[in-house]
Amino acid sequence: GDDALVCDDVTGLTPAETAARTSNGYVANSPHGAAKQCINCSFAQNMTASTCGTCTVIKGSIHPLGYCNLWVAKS
């Protein structure tokens, strides 16, 4: 099976919102490994380990194993 989840849908985003993904250092593969991933960030929404989700601070489709510079641990 194809387990390469792609979460790069930025449909409907403004140029500024799209640029914010880059300026905040969003990547689909966290350089910190399991310790810091979107799936365990307090800003993540509607996300599972195998489905793209959303984020309250970065617009667009977000990868559960991703990371950005705004990452905050879930409390």
C-alpha atoms as a PDB file:
ATOM      1  CA  GLY A   1       0.000   0.000   0.000  1.00  0.00           C
ATOM      2  CA  ASP A   2       0.906   3.624  -0.393  1.00  0.00           C
ATOM      3  CA  ASP A   3       1.566   4.998   3.068  1.00  0.00           C
ATOM      4  CA  ALA A   4       3.104   8.241   1.846  1.00  0.00           C
ATOM      5  CA  LEU A   5       0.615  10.702   3.257  1.00  0.00           C
ATOM      6  CA  VAL A   6       0.706  14.056   1.477  1.00  0.00           C
ATOM      7  CA  CYS A   7      -0.740  17.094   3.228  1.00  0.00           C
ATOM      8  CA  ASP A   8      -0.008  20.043   0.984  1.00  0.00           C
ATOM      9  CA  ASP A   9      -3.472  21.306   0.072  1.00  0.00           C
ATOM     10  CA  VAL A  10      -3.479  25.094   0.325  1.00  0.00           C
ATOM     11  CA  THR A  11      -6.678  25.607  -1.684  1.00  0.00           C
ATOM     12  CA  GLY A  12      -8.391  28.857  -0.745  1.00  0.00           C
ATOM     13  CA  LEU A  13      -5.474  30.257   1.210  1.00  0.00           C
ATOM     14  CA  THR A  14      -4.331  33.813   0.637  1.00  0.00           C
ATOM     15  CA  PRO A  15      -0.738  34.372  -0.498  1.00  0.00           C
ATOM     16  CA  ALA A  16       0.037  35.574   3.037  1.00  0.00           C
ATOM     17  CA  GLU A  17      -1.406  32.414   4.595  1.00  0.00           C
ATOM     18  CA  THR A  18       0.564  30.247   2.189  1.00  0.00           C
ATOM     19  CA  ALA A  19       3.733  32.237   2.924  1.00  0.00           C
ATOM     20  CA  ALA A  20       3.162  31.786   6.668  1.00  0.00           C
ATOM     21  CA  ARG A  21       3.653  28.038   6.233  1.00  0.00           C
ATOM     22  CA  THR A  22       7.150  28.745   4.953  1.00  0.00           C
ATOM     23  CA  SER A  23       8.014  31.629   7.275  1.00  0.00           C
ATOM     24  CA  ASN A  24       7.066  29.563  10.318  1.00  0.00           C
ATOM     25  CA  GLY A  25       9.238  26.712   9.125  1.00  0.00           C
ATOM     26  CA  TYR A  26       6.465  24.206   8.478  1.00  0.00           C
ATOM     27  CA  VAL A  27       7.766  20.888   7.164  1.00  0.00           C
ATOM     28  CA  ALA A  28       5.902  17.620   6.618  1.00  0.00           C
ATOM     29  CA  ASN A  29       8.623  15.572   8.331  1.00  0.00           C
ATOM     30  CA  SER A  30       9.642  16.811  11.773  1.00  0.00           C
ATOM     31  CA  PRO A  31      13.422  17.158  12.229  1.00  0.00           C
ATOM     32  CA  HIS A  32      12.823  16.429  15.922  1.00  0.00           C
ATOM     33  CA  GLY A  33      11.245  13.020  15.421  1.00  0.00           C
ATOM     34  CA  ALA A  34       8.369  11.795  17.568  1.00  0.00           C
ATOM     35  CA  ALA A  35       9.186  14.240  20.378  1.00  0.00           C
ATOM     36  CA  LYS A  36       7.862  17.224  18.445  1.00  0.00           C
ATOM     37  CA  GLN A  37       5.299  16.507  15.745  1.00  0.00           C
ATOM     38  CA  CYS A  38       2.083  18.207  14.702  1.00  0.00           C
ATOM     39  CA  ILE A  39       0.112  15.262  16.069  1.00  0.00           C
ATOM     40  CA  ASN A  40       1.260  16.104  19.609  1.00  0.00           C
ATOM     41  CA  CYS A  41       1.053  19.884  19.280  1.00  0.00           C
ATOM     42  CA  SER A  42      -1.624  21.824  21.124  1.00  0.00           C
ATOM     43  CA  PHE A  43      -2.545  23.716  17.922  1.00  0.00           C
ATOM     44  CA  ALA A  44      -3.414  20.568  15.937  1.00  0.00           C
ATOM     45  CA  GLN A  45      -7.043  19.858  15.049  1.00  0.00           C
ATOM     46  CA  ASN A  46      -8.932  17.034  13.334  1.00  0.00           C
ATOM     47  CA  MET A  47      -5.735  15.029  12.978  1.00  0.00           C
ATOM     48  CA  THR A  48      -4.835  11.387  13.412  1.00  0.00           C
ATOM     49  CA  ALA A  49      -1.528   9.587  12.875  1.00  0.00           C
ATOM     50  CA  SER A  50      -2.702   8.566   9.399  1.00  0.00           C
ATOM     51  CA  THR A  51      -4.758  11.545   8.233  1.00  0.00           C
ATOM     52  CA  CYS A  52      -3.968  15.134   7.391  1.00  0.00           C
ATOM     53  CA  GLY A  53      -5.379  17.653   9.813  1.00  0.00           C
ATOM     54  CA  THR A  54      -5.574  21.346  10.400  1.00  0.00           C
ATOM     55  CA  CYS A  55      -3.880  23.782  12.731  1.00  0.00           C
ATOM     56  CA  THR A  56      -5.130  26.831  14.590  1.00  0.00           C
ATOM     57  CA  VAL A  57      -2.046  28.909  13.729  1.00  0.00           C
ATOM     58  CA  ILE A  58      -0.934  27.602  10.316  1.00  0.00           C
ATOM     59  CA  LYS A  59      -3.561  27.457   7.577  1.00  0.00           C
ATOM     60  CA  GLY A  60      -3.941  24.666   5.045  1.00  0.00           C
ATOM     61  CA  SER A  61      -3.522  20.914   5.208  1.00  0.00           C
ATOM     62  CA  ILE A  62      -1.126  19.797   7.948  1.00  0.00           C
ATOM     63  CA  HIS A  63       0.818  16.531   8.162  1.00  0.00           C
ATOM     64  CA  PRO A  64       0.522  14.729  11.534  1.00  0.00           C
ATOM     65  CA  LEU A  65       4.255  13.980  11.522  1.00  0.00           C
ATOM     66  CA  GLY A  66       5.148  17.528  10.552  1.00  0.00           C
ATOM     67  CA  TYR A  67       6.586  20.374  12.553  1.00  0.00           C
ATOM     68  CA  CYS A  68       6.787  24.146  12.588  1.00  0.00           C
ATOM     69  CA  ASN A  69       8.493  26.755  14.749  1.00  0.00           C
ATOM     70  CA  LEU A  70       5.235  27.464  16.603  1.00  0.00           C
ATOM     71  CA  TRP A  71       5.055  23.939  18.032  1.00  0.00           C
ATOM     72  CA  VAL A  72       3.765  23.765  21.619  1.00  0.00           C
ATOM     73  CA  ALA A  73       3.322  20.525  23.558  1.00  0.00           C
ATOM     74  CA  LYS A  74      -0.226  19.439  24.302  1.00  0.00           C
ATOM     75  CA  SER A  75      -0.995  20.075  27.933  1.00  0.00           C
END
